[in-house]
């Protein structure tokens, strides 16, 4: 049965700190990816915390399943966003 997990993400070296999120490379693709995860119920809640970190609450079977599901995010692939940790919540 899926459980809830907290995931701490942080900005990677490809993130341009002088630009807002919406002006980062591949913003539209990243936003569409995250919207799809939310629509399917994988992402329960998410948003920025203290800069440069972001928090996601997801519903998943395991940390491995989370890693696999988030891997195709364009921002992860481009190193704009990196995973710091995954913890049961």
N, C-alpha and C. Protein backbone atom coordinates (compact mmCIF):
# COMPACT_ATOMS: atom_id res chain seq x y z
N UNK A 1 0.84 -1.18 0.00
CA UNK A 1 0.00 0.00 0.00
C UNK A 1 0.89 1.25 0.00
N UNK A 2 0.59 2.21 -0.86
CA UNK A 2 1.41 3.42 -0.90
C UNK A 2 1.33 4.20 0.41
N UNK A 3 2.44 4.83 0.73
CA UNK A 3 2.51 5.69 1.90
C UNK A 3 2.93 7.08 1.47
N UNK A 4 2.99 7.99 2.44
CA UNK A 4 3.42 9.34 2.15
C UNK A 4 4.91 9.50 2.45
N UNK A 5 5.56 10.25 1.59
CA UNK A 5 6.99 10.53 1.74
C UNK A 5 7.22 12.03 1.56
N UNK A 6 8.18 12.55 2.30
CA UNK A 6 8.66 13.92 2.11
C UNK A 6 9.96 13.85 1.32
N UNK A 7 10.08 14.74 0.35
CA UNK A 7 11.27 14.80 -0.48
C UNK A 7 11.79 16.22 -0.45
N UNK A 8 13.06 16.38 -0.06
CA UNK A 8 13.68 17.69 -0.09
C UNK A 8 14.51 17.79 -1.36
N UNK A 9 14.20 18.81 -2.15
CA UNK A 9 14.92 19.09 -3.38
C UNK A 9 15.67 20.40 -3.21
N UNK A 10 16.73 20.58 -3.97
CA UNK A 10 17.47 21.83 -3.95
C UNK A 10 17.87 22.20 -5.36
N UNK A 11 18.14 23.44 -5.56
CA UNK A 11 18.54 23.90 -6.88
C UNK A 11 19.92 23.38 -7.22
N UNK A 12 20.07 22.94 -8.46
CA UNK A 12 21.35 22.44 -8.94
C UNK A 12 22.19 23.56 -9.55
N UNK A 13 23.40 23.24 -9.98
CA UNK A 13 24.30 24.25 -10.52
C UNK A 13 23.82 24.89 -11.82
N UNK A 14 22.92 24.25 -12.54
CA UNK A 14 22.42 24.82 -13.79
C UNK A 14 21.33 25.86 -13.55
N UNK A 15 20.82 25.97 -12.32
CA UNK A 15 19.78 26.94 -11.99
C UNK A 15 20.40 28.33 -11.94
N UNK A 16 19.81 29.27 -12.64
CA UNK A 16 20.31 30.65 -12.67
C UNK A 16 19.61 31.43 -11.56
N UNK A 17 20.32 31.70 -10.48
CA UNK A 17 19.72 32.32 -9.29
C UNK A 17 19.19 33.72 -9.55
N UNK A 18 19.64 34.40 -10.56
CA UNK A 18 19.15 35.74 -10.86
C UNK A 18 17.83 35.75 -11.61
N UNK A 19 17.35 34.60 -12.01
CA UNK A 19 16.10 34.51 -12.78
C UNK A 19 15.00 33.86 -11.95
N UNK A 20 13.75 34.31 -12.13
CA UNK A 20 12.64 33.62 -11.46
C UNK A 20 12.44 32.22 -12.05
N UNK A 21 11.73 31.38 -11.32
CA UNK A 21 11.50 30.00 -11.78
C UNK A 21 10.93 29.95 -13.19
N UNK A 22 9.99 30.83 -13.46
CA UNK A 22 9.30 30.81 -14.75
C UNK A 22 10.21 31.18 -15.92
N UNK A 23 11.39 31.72 -15.65
CA UNK A 23 12.33 32.08 -16.70
C UNK A 23 13.50 31.11 -16.81
N UNK A 24 13.50 30.06 -15.99
CA UNK A 24 14.55 29.05 -16.07
C UNK A 24 14.36 28.22 -17.34
N UNK A 25 15.45 27.61 -17.79
CA UNK A 25 15.39 26.73 -18.96
C UNK A 25 14.36 25.63 -18.73
N UNK A 26 13.60 25.31 -19.75
CA UNK A 26 12.63 24.21 -19.74
C UNK A 26 11.55 24.35 -18.66
N UNK A 27 11.22 25.59 -18.31
CA UNK A 27 10.18 25.81 -17.30
C UNK A 27 8.86 25.16 -17.70
N UNK A 28 8.42 25.37 -18.94
CA UNK A 28 7.13 24.84 -19.36
C UNK A 28 7.10 23.31 -19.27
N UNK A 29 8.19 22.67 -19.67
CA UNK A 29 8.26 21.20 -19.61
C UNK A 29 8.27 20.72 -18.16
N UNK A 30 9.01 21.39 -17.30
CA UNK A 30 9.06 21.02 -15.88
C UNK A 30 7.68 21.22 -15.25
N UNK A 31 7.05 22.35 -15.51
CA UNK A 31 5.73 22.63 -14.93
C UNK A 31 4.71 21.60 -15.41
N UNK A 32 4.73 21.24 -16.68
CA UNK A 32 3.81 20.23 -17.21
C UNK A 32 4.06 18.88 -16.55
N UNK A 33 5.32 18.53 -16.35
CA UNK A 33 5.68 17.27 -15.70
C UNK A 33 5.12 17.24 -14.27
N UNK A 34 5.34 18.32 -13.51
CA UNK A 34 4.86 18.36 -12.13
C UNK A 34 3.33 18.40 -12.07
N UNK A 35 2.71 19.12 -12.98
CA UNK A 35 1.24 19.15 -13.03
C UNK A 35 0.67 17.75 -13.28
N UNK A 36 1.33 16.99 -14.15
CA UNK A 36 0.87 15.62 -14.43
C UNK A 36 1.02 14.73 -13.20
N UNK A 37 2.12 14.89 -12.45
CA UNK A 37 2.31 14.10 -11.23
C UNK A 37 1.24 14.44 -10.20
N UNK A 38 0.88 15.70 -10.14
CA UNK A 38 -0.17 16.13 -9.22
C UNK A 38 -1.54 15.58 -9.65
N UNK A 39 -1.82 15.67 -10.94
CA UNK A 39 -3.11 15.20 -11.46
C UNK A 39 -3.31 13.71 -11.24
N UNK A 40 -2.23 12.94 -11.30
CA UNK A 40 -2.36 11.49 -11.08
C UNK A 40 -2.34 11.11 -9.61
N UNK A 41 -2.15 12.09 -8.70
CA UNK A 41 -2.18 11.82 -7.28
C UNK A 41 -0.85 11.43 -6.68
N UNK A 42 0.21 11.43 -7.47
CA UNK A 42 1.54 11.11 -6.94
C UNK A 42 2.02 12.25 -6.04
N UNK A 43 2.00 13.48 -6.54
CA UNK A 43 2.36 14.65 -5.73
C UNK A 43 1.11 15.10 -4.99
N UNK A 44 1.20 15.12 -3.67
CA UNK A 44 0.10 15.54 -2.83
C UNK A 44 0.21 17.03 -2.53
N UNK A 45 1.43 17.48 -2.32
CA UNK A 45 1.69 18.87 -1.95
C UNK A 45 3.13 19.20 -2.31
N UNK A 46 3.39 20.41 -2.72
CA UNK A 46 4.76 20.78 -3.03
C UNK A 46 4.92 22.28 -3.13
N UNK A 47 6.14 22.74 -2.88
CA UNK A 47 6.42 24.15 -3.02
C UNK A 47 7.75 24.51 -2.41
N UNK A 48 8.13 25.77 -2.59
CA UNK A 48 9.42 26.23 -2.07
C UNK A 48 9.42 26.36 -0.56
N UNK A 49 10.60 26.13 0.02
CA UNK A 49 10.83 26.40 1.44
C UNK A 49 11.85 27.53 1.49
N UNK A 50 12.74 27.48 2.45
CA UNK A 50 13.82 28.46 2.47
C UNK A 50 14.69 28.23 1.25
N UNK A 51 15.05 29.30 0.56
CA UNK A 51 15.90 29.17 -0.63
C UNK A 51 17.18 28.46 -0.27
N UNK A 52 17.66 27.55 -1.02
CA UNK A 52 17.21 27.16 -2.36
C UNK A 52 16.40 25.86 -2.37
N UNK A 53 15.78 25.52 -1.27
CA UNK A 53 15.13 24.21 -1.14
C UNK A 53 13.65 24.24 -1.46
N UNK A 54 13.17 23.06 -1.89
CA UNK A 54 11.76 22.83 -2.19
C UNK A 54 11.33 21.53 -1.52
N UNK A 55 10.08 21.44 -1.12
CA UNK A 55 9.56 20.25 -0.47
C UNK A 55 8.43 19.67 -1.30
N UNK A 56 8.48 18.36 -1.49
CA UNK A 56 7.37 17.62 -2.11
C UNK A 56 6.87 16.60 -1.11
N UNK A 57 5.57 16.45 -1.04
CA UNK A 57 4.95 15.34 -0.32
C UNK A 57 4.30 14.48 -1.40
N UNK A 58 4.70 13.20 -1.43
CA UNK A 58 4.21 12.31 -2.48
C UNK A 58 3.63 11.05 -1.88
N UNK A 59 2.81 10.38 -2.66
CA UNK A 59 2.25 9.08 -2.29
C UNK A 59 2.92 8.04 -3.17
N UNK A 60 3.64 7.11 -2.54
CA UNK A 60 4.41 6.12 -3.31
C UNK A 60 4.63 4.86 -2.49
N UNK A 61 5.08 3.83 -3.18
CA UNK A 61 5.37 2.54 -2.55
C UNK A 61 6.71 2.53 -1.82
N UNK A 62 7.71 3.26 -2.36
CA UNK A 62 9.06 3.18 -1.81
C UNK A 62 9.91 4.34 -2.31
N UNK A 63 11.03 4.59 -1.65
CA UNK A 63 11.97 5.60 -2.16
C UNK A 63 12.45 5.28 -3.57
N UNK A 64 12.62 4.02 -3.89
CA UNK A 64 13.07 3.63 -5.23
C UNK A 64 12.03 4.00 -6.28
N UNK A 65 10.76 3.79 -5.94
CA UNK A 65 9.68 4.16 -6.86
C UNK A 65 9.64 5.68 -7.07
N UNK A 66 9.92 6.43 -6.01
CA UNK A 66 9.95 7.89 -6.11
C UNK A 66 11.09 8.32 -7.03
N UNK A 67 12.26 7.77 -6.83
CA UNK A 67 13.41 8.12 -7.67
C UNK A 67 13.11 7.85 -9.14
N UNK A 68 12.52 6.71 -9.41
CA UNK A 68 12.20 6.35 -10.79
C UNK A 68 11.15 7.30 -11.37
N UNK A 69 10.17 7.68 -10.56
CA UNK A 69 9.09 8.54 -11.07
C UNK A 69 9.57 9.96 -11.32
N UNK A 70 10.50 10.46 -10.50
CA UNK A 70 11.01 11.82 -10.65
C UNK A 70 12.15 11.95 -11.66
N UNK A 71 12.77 10.84 -12.02
CA UNK A 71 13.94 10.88 -12.92
C UNK A 71 13.67 11.57 -14.25
N UNK A 72 12.50 11.40 -14.88
CA UNK A 72 12.27 12.06 -16.18
C UNK A 72 11.98 13.56 -16.11
N UNK A 73 11.95 14.14 -14.92
CA UNK A 73 11.72 15.59 -14.80
C UNK A 73 12.80 16.32 -15.60
N UNK A 74 12.41 17.18 -16.54
CA UNK A 74 13.41 17.91 -17.32
C UNK A 74 14.41 18.68 -16.45
N UNK A 75 13.95 19.21 -15.33
CA UNK A 75 14.87 19.95 -14.47
C UNK A 75 15.87 19.02 -13.79
N UNK A 76 15.49 17.80 -13.48
CA UNK A 76 16.44 16.84 -12.93
C UNK A 76 17.45 16.44 -14.00
N UNK A 77 16.97 16.19 -15.19
CA UNK A 77 17.85 15.80 -16.29
C UNK A 77 18.85 16.90 -16.65
N UNK A 78 18.44 18.16 -16.48
CA UNK A 78 19.29 19.30 -16.84
C UNK A 78 20.10 19.82 -15.64
N UNK A 79 19.96 19.20 -14.49
CA UNK A 79 20.65 19.57 -13.24
C UNK A 79 20.25 20.94 -12.72
N UNK A 80 19.00 21.32 -12.98
CA UNK A 80 18.46 22.53 -12.36
C UNK A 80 17.92 22.22 -10.97
N UNK A 81 17.59 20.95 -10.73
CA UNK A 81 17.00 20.53 -9.48
C UNK A 81 17.62 19.20 -9.08
N UNK A 82 18.00 19.10 -7.81
CA UNK A 82 18.60 17.86 -7.27
C UNK A 82 17.85 17.41 -6.02
N UNK A 83 17.82 16.11 -5.85
CA UNK A 83 17.19 15.53 -4.66
C UNK A 83 18.21 15.52 -3.52
N UNK A 84 17.81 16.05 -2.35
CA UNK A 84 18.67 16.01 -1.16
C UNK A 84 18.38 14.77 -0.33
N UNK A 85 17.09 14.50 -0.11
CA UNK A 85 16.72 13.32 0.68
C UNK A 85 15.26 12.96 0.46
N UNK A 86 14.97 11.70 0.82
CA UNK A 86 13.60 11.17 0.81
C UNK A 86 13.38 10.52 2.17
N UNK A 87 12.24 10.85 2.82
CA UNK A 87 11.95 10.27 4.13
C UNK A 87 10.46 9.93 4.22
N UNK A 88 10.14 8.84 4.90
CA UNK A 88 8.72 8.55 5.16
C UNK A 88 8.12 9.72 5.95
N UNK A 89 6.83 9.99 5.69
CA UNK A 89 6.18 11.11 6.37
C UNK A 89 4.92 10.64 7.04
